[in-house]
C-alpha atoms as a PDB file:
ATOM      1  CA  HIS A   1      81.082 -13.390  -2.589  1.00  0.00           C
ATOM      2  CA  ARG A   2      83.207 -16.539  -2.793  1.00  0.00           C
ATOM      3  CA  THR A   3      82.646 -19.845  -1.026  1.00  0.00           C
ATOM      4  CA  SER A   4      85.605 -22.166  -1.526  1.00  0.00           C
ATOM      5  CA  SER A   5      88.889 -23.289  -0.006  1.00  0.00           C
ATOM      6  CA  THR A   6      92.100 -21.542  -1.082  1.00  0.00           C
ATOM      7  CA  ALA A   7      95.823 -22.268  -0.813  1.00  0.00           C
ATOM      8  CA  TRP A   8      98.717 -20.107  -2.035  1.00  0.00           C
ATOM      9  CA  LEU A   9     101.678 -22.009  -3.488  1.00  0.00           C
ATOM     10  CA  HIS A  10     105.095 -20.405  -3.303  1.00  0.00           C
ATOM     11  CA  ASP A  11     107.820 -20.903  -5.866  1.00  0.00           C
ATOM     12  CA  ASP A  12     110.327 -22.272  -3.361  1.00  0.00           C
ATOM     13  CA  ARG A  13     107.937 -25.052  -2.211  1.00  0.00           C
ATOM     14  CA  CYS A  14     107.399 -26.793  -5.584  1.00  0.00           C
ATOM     15  CA  PRO A  15     109.525 -24.941  -8.135  1.00  0.00           C
ATOM     16  CA  SER A  16     109.240 -27.060 -11.277  1.00  0.00           C
ATOM     17  CA  PRO A  17     105.457 -26.951 -11.919  1.00  0.00           C
ATOM     18  CA  LEU A  18     105.124 -23.389 -10.643  1.00  0.00           C
ATOM     19  CA  ARG A  19     107.950 -22.109 -12.825  1.00  0.00           C
ATOM     20  CA  THR A  20     106.457 -23.868 -15.852  1.00  0.00           C
ATOM     21  CA  PHE A  21     103.081 -22.242 -15.187  1.00  0.00           C
ATOM     22  CA  ALA A  22     104.730 -18.833 -14.637  1.00  0.00           C
ATOM     23  CA  THR A  23     106.709 -19.118 -17.864  1.00  0.00           C
ATOM     24  CA  ARG A  24     103.612 -20.025 -19.875  1.00  0.00           C
ATOM     25  CA  ALA A  25     101.546 -17.224 -18.309  1.00  0.00           C
ATOM     26  CA  SER A  26     104.400 -14.832 -19.101  1.00  0.00           C
ATOM     27  CA  ALA A  27     104.352 -15.945 -22.735  1.00  0.00           C
ATOM     28  CA  LEU A  28     100.593 -15.277 -22.934  1.00  0.00           C
ATOM     29  CA  SER A  29     100.745 -11.861 -21.274  1.00  0.00           C
ATOM     30  CA  GLY A  30     104.125 -10.548 -22.373  1.00  0.00           C
ATOM     31  CA  LEU A  31     104.774  -9.645 -18.721  1.00  0.00           C
ATOM     32  CA  PRO A  32     107.789 -10.876 -16.738  1.00  0.00           C
ATOM     33  CA  THR A  33     107.261 -13.591 -14.137  1.00  0.00           C
ATOM     34  CA  VAL A  34     108.292 -11.215 -11.323  1.00  0.00           C
ATOM     35  CA  ASN A  35     105.053  -9.291 -11.996  1.00  0.00           C
ATOM     36  CA  MET A  36     102.947 -12.289 -10.920  1.00  0.00           C
ATOM     37  CA  GLU A  37     101.297 -13.155  -7.659  1.00  0.00           C
ATOM     38  CA  ASN A  38     102.022 -16.539  -6.141  1.00  0.00           C
ATOM     39  CA  LEU A  39      99.846 -19.301  -7.538  1.00  0.00           C
ATOM     40  CA  GLN A  40      96.421 -19.602  -5.959  1.00  0.00           C
ATOM     41  CA  VAL A  41      94.804 -23.052  -5.921  1.00  0.00           C
ATOM     42  CA  VAL A  42      91.076 -23.176  -5.222  1.00  0.00           C
ATOM     43  CA  ARG A  43      88.738 -26.070  -4.404  1.00  0.00           C
ATOM     44  CA  TYR A  44      84.976 -25.743  -4.823  1.00  0.00           C
ATOM     45  CA  GLN A  45      82.706 -28.344  -3.229  1.00  0.00           C
ATOM     46  CA  PRO A  46      78.981 -28.835  -3.953  1.00  0.00           C
ATOM     47  CA  GLY A  47      77.080 -25.574  -3.536  1.00  0.00           C
ATOM     48  CA  GLU A  48      80.237 -23.450  -3.546  1.00  0.00           C
ATOM     49  CA  GLU A  49      80.734 -20.670  -6.083  1.00  0.00           C
ATOM     50  CA  PHE A  50      82.348 -17.320  -6.803  1.00  0.00           C
ATOM     51  CA  GLN A  51      79.593 -14.851  -7.593  1.00  0.00           C
ATOM     52  CA  LEU A  52      79.847 -12.223 -10.345  1.00  0.00           C
ATOM     53  CA  HIS A  53      83.023 -10.155  -9.857  1.00  0.00           C
ATOM     54  CA  THR A  54      86.020  -8.544 -11.521  1.00  0.00           C
ATOM     55  CA  ASP A  55      89.594  -9.565 -10.735  1.00  0.00           C
ATOM     56  CA  HIS A  56      90.744  -5.928 -10.706  1.00  0.00           C
ATOM     57  CA  LEU A  57      89.405  -3.202  -8.415  1.00  0.00           C
ATOM     58  CA  ASP A  58      90.252   0.512  -8.547  1.00  0.00           C
ATOM     59  CA  SER A  59      91.781   0.243  -5.052  1.00  0.00           C
ATOM     60  CA  PHE A  60      94.381  -2.225  -6.420  1.00  0.00           C
ATOM     61  CA  ASN A  61      96.026   0.725  -8.215  1.00  0.00           C
ATOM     62  CA  GLU A  62      97.352   1.775  -4.812  1.00  0.00           C
ATOM     63  CA  PHE A  63      99.518  -1.360  -4.527  1.00  0.00           C
ATOM     64  CA  GLY A  64     103.201  -0.920  -5.291  1.00  0.00           C
ATOM     65  CA  CYS A  65     102.847  -3.461  -8.093  1.00  0.00           C
ATOM     66  CA  GLY A  66      99.761  -1.780  -9.571  1.00  0.00           C
ATOM     67  CA  GLY A  67      96.444  -3.461 -10.303  1.00  0.00           C
ATOM     68  CA  ARG A  68      95.658  -6.888 -11.673  1.00  0.00           C
ATOM     69  CA  LEU A  69      96.187  -6.443 -15.405  1.00  0.00           C
ATOM     70  CA  CYS A  70      95.301  -9.980 -16.395  1.00  0.00           C
ATOM     71  CA  THR A  71      94.264 -13.405 -15.181  1.00  0.00           C
ATOM     72  CA  CYS A  72      95.394 -16.866 -16.201  1.00  0.00           C
ATOM     73  CA  LEU A  73      93.063 -19.529 -14.814  1.00  0.00           C
ATOM     74  CA  VAL A  74      93.860 -23.223 -15.323  1.00  0.00           C
ATOM     75  CA  TYR A  75      91.338 -25.995 -14.778  1.00  0.00           C
ATOM     76  CA  LEU A  76      92.843 -28.861 -12.791  1.00  0.00           C
ATOM     77  CA  ASN A  77      90.079 -31.406 -13.311  1.00  0.00           C
ATOM     78  CA  ASP A  78      87.299 -32.154 -15.785  1.00  0.00           C
ATOM     79  CA  SER A  79      83.625 -31.421 -15.424  1.00  0.00           C
ATOM     80  CA  GLU A  80      81.266 -34.152 -16.586  1.00  0.00           C
ATOM     81  CA  GLN A  81      80.205 -31.833 -19.429  1.00  0.00           C
ATOM     82  CA  SER A  82      83.741 -31.378 -20.768  1.00  0.00           C
ATOM     83  CA  ALA A  83      84.665 -35.030 -20.249  1.00  0.00           C
ATOM     84  CA  SER A  84      81.625 -36.304 -22.137  1.00  0.00           C
ATOM     85  CA  LYS A  85      82.238 -33.730 -24.875  1.00  0.00           C
ATOM     86  CA  ASN A  86      85.784 -35.085 -25.205  1.00  0.00           C
ATOM     87  CA  ASN A  87      84.529 -38.698 -24.921  1.00  0.00           C
ATOM     88  CA  ASP A  88      86.605 -39.118 -21.740  1.00  0.00           C
ATOM     89  CA  ALA A  89      84.055 -39.627 -18.985  1.00  0.00           C
ATOM     90  CA  GLY A  90      86.081 -42.169 -17.032  1.00  0.00           C
ATOM     91  CA  VAL A  91      85.801 -44.995 -19.551  1.00  0.00           C
ATOM     92  CA  SER A  92      88.456 -45.854 -22.110  1.00  0.00           C
ATOM     93  CA  GLU A  93      87.645 -46.433 -25.780  1.00  0.00           C
ATOM     94  CA  ASN A  94      87.363 -50.167 -25.140  1.00  0.00           C
ATOM     95  CA  GLY A  95      84.761 -49.581 -22.402  1.00  0.00           C
ATOM     96  CA  VAL A  96      87.053 -50.290 -19.445  1.00  0.00           C
ATOM     97  CA  ASP A  97      86.703 -48.073 -16.391  1.00  0.00           C
ATOM     98  CA  ASN A  98      89.979 -46.142 -16.117  1.00  0.00           C
ATOM     99  CA  GLY A  99      89.271 -44.886 -12.595  1.00  0.00           C
ATOM    100  CA  GLU A 100      89.071 -41.244 -13.597  1.00  0.00           C
ATOM    101  CA  ASP A 101      85.328 -40.738 -13.036  1.00  0.00           C
ATOM    102  CA  ASP A 102      85.807 -39.931  -9.341  1.00  0.00           C
ATOM    103  CA  ALA A 103      87.542 -36.676 -10.341  1.00  0.00           C
ATOM    104  CA  LEU A 104      84.587 -35.419 -12.405  1.00  0.00           C
ATOM    105  CA  PHE A 105      82.123 -32.824 -11.151  1.00  0.00           C
ATOM    106  CA  THR A 106      78.957 -31.155 -12.399  1.00  0.00           C
ATOM    107  CA  GLY A 107      78.305 -27.422 -12.656  1.00  0.00           C
ATOM    108  CA  GLY A 108      81.128 -24.981 -11.965  1.00  0.00           C
ATOM    109  CA  GLU A 109      81.286 -23.310 -15.379  1.00  0.00           C
ATOM    110  CA  THR A 110      83.085 -19.968 -15.646  1.00  0.00           C
ATOM    111  CA  ASN A 111      80.369 -17.586 -16.779  1.00  0.00           C
ATOM    112  CA  PHE A 112      80.967 -14.318 -18.661  1.00  0.00           C
ATOM    113  CA  PRO A 113      77.449 -12.786 -18.862  1.00  0.00           C
ATOM    114  CA  GLU A 114      78.502  -9.868 -21.096  1.00  0.00           C
ATOM    115  CA  PHE A 115      79.496 -12.407 -23.760  1.00  0.00           C
ATOM    116  CA  ASP A 116      76.707 -14.885 -22.972  1.00  0.00           C
ATOM    117  CA  ALA A 117      79.412 -17.525 -22.487  1.00  0.00           C
ATOM    118  CA  ALA A 118      79.742 -20.236 -19.842  1.00  0.00           C
ATOM    119  CA  ILE A 119      82.987 -22.184 -20.187  1.00  0.00           C
ATOM    120  CA  PRO A 120      82.859 -25.784 -18.932  1.00  0.00           C
ATOM    121  CA  PRO A 121      86.100 -26.644 -17.115  1.00  0.00           C
ATOM    122  CA  THR A 122      88.391 -28.979 -19.040  1.00  0.00           C
ATOM    123  CA  LYS A 123      91.418 -30.392 -17.230  1.00  0.00           C
ATOM    124  CA  GLY A 124      94.645 -28.739 -18.370  1.00  0.00           C
ATOM    125  CA  SER A 125      92.982 -25.934 -20.321  1.00  0.00           C
ATOM    126  CA  ALA A 126      93.720 -22.297 -19.556  1.00  0.00           C
ATOM    127  CA  LEU A 127      91.468 -19.267 -19.650  1.00  0.00           C
ATOM    128  CA  PHE A 128      93.410 -16.018 -20.141  1.00  0.00           C
ATOM    129  CA  PHE A 129      91.861 -12.540 -20.106  1.00  0.00           C
ATOM    130  CA  TRP A 130      92.738  -8.905 -19.494  1.00  0.00           C
ATOM    131  CA  ASN A 131      91.020  -7.298 -16.498  1.00  0.00           C
ATOM    132  CA  THR A 132      91.606  -3.655 -17.385  1.00  0.00           C
ATOM    133  CA  LEU A 133      90.896  -1.320 -20.280  1.00  0.00           C
ATOM    134  CA  GLU A 134      94.605  -0.433 -20.392  1.00  0.00           C
ATOM    135  CA  LYS A 135      96.897  -3.141 -21.710  1.00  0.00           C
ATOM    136  CA  PRO A 136     100.625  -3.370 -22.473  1.00  0.00           C
ATOM    137  CA  GLY A 137     101.152  -2.518 -26.129  1.00  0.00           C
ATOM    138  CA  SER A 138      98.164  -0.167 -26.240  1.00  0.00           C
ATOM    139  CA  ILE A 139      98.631   3.445 -27.291  1.00  0.00           C
ATOM    140  CA  ASP A 140      99.860   5.570 -24.377  1.00  0.00           C
ATOM    141  CA  TYR A 141     100.106   2.543 -22.039  1.00  0.00           C
ATOM    142  CA  ASP A 142     102.444   3.155 -19.100  1.00  0.00           C
ATOM    143  CA  GLU A 143     103.050   0.696 -16.264  1.00  0.00           C
ATOM    144  CA  ASN A 144     102.445   3.523 -13.772  1.00  0.00           C
ATOM    145  CA  MET A 145      99.098   4.664 -15.160  1.00  0.00           C
ATOM    146  CA  PHE A 146      95.785   4.265 -13.338  1.00  0.00           C
ATOM    147  CA  LEU A 147      94.154   1.025 -14.491  1.00  0.00           C
ATOM    148  CA  ASN A 148      90.411   1.057 -15.117  1.00  0.00           C
ATOM    149  CA  VAL A 149      88.443  -2.158 -14.720  1.00  0.00           C
ATOM    150  CA  ASP A 150      87.005  -3.605 -17.910  1.00  0.00           C
ATOM    151  CA  ILE A 151      83.470  -4.267 -16.681  1.00  0.00           C
ATOM    152  CA  LYS A 152      82.787  -6.506 -19.699  1.00  0.00           C
ATOM    153  CA  LEU A 153      85.139  -9.051 -18.116  1.00  0.00           C
ATOM    154  CA  ARG A 154      82.936  -9.577 -15.073  1.00  0.00           C
ATOM    155  CA  HIS A 155      82.696 -13.292 -14.511  1.00  0.00           C
ATOM    156  CA  ALA A 156      81.461 -15.882 -12.054  1.00  0.00           C
ATOM    157  CA  GLY A 157      82.382 -19.383 -11.044  1.00  0.00           C
ATOM    158  CA  LEU A 158      78.942 -20.985 -11.150  1.00  0.00           C
ATOM    159  CA  PRO A 159      77.953 -23.298  -8.286  1.00  0.00           C
ATOM    160  CA  VAL A 160      79.380 -26.809  -8.279  1.00  0.00           C
ATOM    161  CA  LEU A 161      76.462 -29.238  -8.204  1.00  0.00           C
ATOM    162  CA  SER A 162      78.345 -32.456  -7.379  1.00  0.00           C
ATOM    163  CA  GLY A 163      81.961 -33.516  -6.913  1.00  0.00           C
ATOM    164  CA  GLU A 164      84.885 -31.110  -6.469  1.00  0.00           C
ATOM    165  CA  LYS A 165      86.161 -28.483  -8.892  1.00  0.00           C
ATOM    166  CA  TRP A 166      89.860 -27.540  -8.742  1.00  0.00           C
ATOM    167  CA  VAL A 167      91.405 -24.472 -10.411  1.00  0.00           C
ATOM    168  CA  ALA A 168      94.648 -22.512 -10.229  1.00  0.00           C
ATOM    169  CA  ASN A 169      94.889 -18.732 -10.714  1.00  0.00           C
ATOM    170  CA  ARG A 170      97.827 -16.560 -11.666  1.00  0.00           C
ATOM    171  CA  TRP A 171      97.295 -12.788 -11.604  1.00  0.00           C
ATOM    172  CA  MET A 172      99.743 -10.431 -13.289  1.00  0.00           C
ATOM    173  CA  HIS A 173     100.546  -6.812 -12.499  1.00  0.00           C
ATOM    174  CA  PRO A 174     102.236  -3.988 -14.445  1.00  0.00           C
ATOM    175  CA  ARG A 175     105.181  -3.912 -11.991  1.00  0.00           C
ATOM    176  CA  ASP A 176     107.182  -6.344  -9.849  1.00  0.00           C
ATOM    177  CA  PHE A 177     104.864  -8.022  -7.350  1.00  0.00           C
ATOM    178  CA  GLY A 178     107.692  -8.943  -4.969  1.00  0.00           C
ATOM    179  CA  ALA A 179     106.654 -12.594  -4.570  1.00  0.00           C
ATOM    180  CA  ASP A 180     109.939 -13.943  -5.986  1.00  0.00           C
ATOM    181  CA  VAL A 181     108.058 -15.801  -8.736  1.00  0.00           C
ATOM    182  CA  ARG A 182     110.542 -17.072 -11.268  1.00  0.00           C
ATOM    183  CA  GLY A 183     110.160 -18.659 -14.664  1.00  0.00           C
ATOM    184  CA  LEU A 184     112.291 -21.423 -16.136  1.00  0.00           C
END
């Protein structure tokens, strides 16, 4: 169950940043940019969350592009936890307010319970992970094979407690997605 607001950005609407993101996600995954879904941008307000889930489901194997092999999630703003950890909580080194504190939020960590890990969002950082047991480069991997969900990669976007959390998602498939996503 997800409570948030979502927008899909298409390559032809703002090509430069989307192509940069696609190219970088391609470098991480080894998959061509044409295998990617359009970029999803998500806003979470206080109380909103994405409960424990996987990004791949068995039914996704029925898509022409195959299932969601991997996820690249980018944090678009800082949480108070990450900002204070990086000594960047809206105040410059000389103690002057730099006006950035209004973009901070509390809560909203990405939680991977199987690894007992909750990642605090840090603006500009990426979280990349494989969603399936089968991966390109693995023995006997074939882009047409049935993809089995890797249940260890279940994760949740924990509730935002205050402020707004912004993220962008790029999901990659074993075959051409047909979204006309292009890299640089």
